[in-house]
C-alpha cells in the first residue's frame, strides 16, 4: 500500500470543524467506513496504525474513512449504516436494542475488557467512595459514556442519583470547567480525563480517580461493532478486518511508541508523549487484564456480559433485559491461538 498521505478535508462535529485524519492512499479492496471513538488519540491509535501498516489492505479491505465520534454518535453512525464498523461501548447496545431491534449493530470484537468510566475529583475534596458524592455537583457531557453510566454506578452502590447535582457541558469544555472548580467532580474515561488534565499542568497526586469498575460495575466496554449492512453485504471480509485490528493492538502491546508514531503522522497536532502515555494506560488498565492473559483479545465471557446487561437494565430502569446474542456474536473472531497476547 502506498505510503503517501491524502488529506480528506474537514469533518463537522458538534458545531465545530475538526480536521479529519489523513487516510493512507489505498487501491482496490472492499470499501469500509470505520468510526473511531472521540477524540482521536492514543486510545484508538492501534486502528490508525493498522491502516498505515497496510494490515487492512492485506486482508482485501480499503478503509475509506476513519473518523472519530462520541460513543453514542459512533453507535448511531453504525446503526444508521452510514458507517460499517464502529468502536463503541458493548453493553450499552442493549439499551439501544430495546428501541431499535432491527437496526442495532452487533459486537464482533472486544478490546476494553473493563470499563474505563470513572469519577475524577481534586484530591483536596476528599471524594474517595461513591457516597462522598452525595450533595456534590458532578459535571460531564451528555454523550459521554461515563456520564450516562452514572445512574447505574450510583444505584449499584445503593445510592440515589437524585442526591447529586449535574452540570452538563460540551465534551471539549469538561477539563476546563473542572480546572475552574465549577464542579466537584467530572465523569469520563480515566485515561482521557487524566492525560487531558496532565496536559494542562495538573499533577497526578492532585487528583483522585474513582473507577466504576472498582465499585460494582464489572463491565466490558469498547468493542468493534458491525452494522447490519456490513453483516448483510460484506460478511466475508469481517474475519480479515478483525485480524487487521488484532495486529494493530498486538503491535501496541509489544511496543506502544511506533503505534503513536502512526497517530502523529495522521494528526500532527497531537502531543505525542501524552498520547503514548494514554495508550500505555489503556493497555495496562483496560486491555491487558487477567481475562486477556487467559483467553486472548477479542472474545467475551457471555455470562459476564449478561450480568453487565442486567446491571444496565437495573440502573437505567429499562423495561426488560436483552439476551447477549442480540448484541454480540463470536462468529468472525480469529482462532484462540491467534488472539493470544502476552
Foldseek 3Di string as FASTA:
>chain_A
DAQDWDFPAWDDAPNDTDGFWTQGDDDFAAEFEEEEAPDQFLQPLLVLVLRNVCLLVVLRYGYPGYHYDHQVVQQVCQLVPVGFKYWWWQLVLQLVCVVPLPRGWAFAFFFFQFALKKKKFFVVLVPDDPVSQQQFEEEEAPSAPSVVCVLLLQVLQVHHPVRYHYDHDDHVCQQVCRVVVVGGIYIHRPLVNVLVVVVVVDDPNRMDIGGSCVRRQSAGTIGMTGTPCCVVPVVVSLLSVQLSSLVSVLVCVVPVLVSLVSVCNGPVPDDSVSRSVSNVVCCVNTGPDPVCQVQATTDDDQVRSQVNQVSCCVSVVNPDGDHNVSHYDNVSYDDRVSRRHD
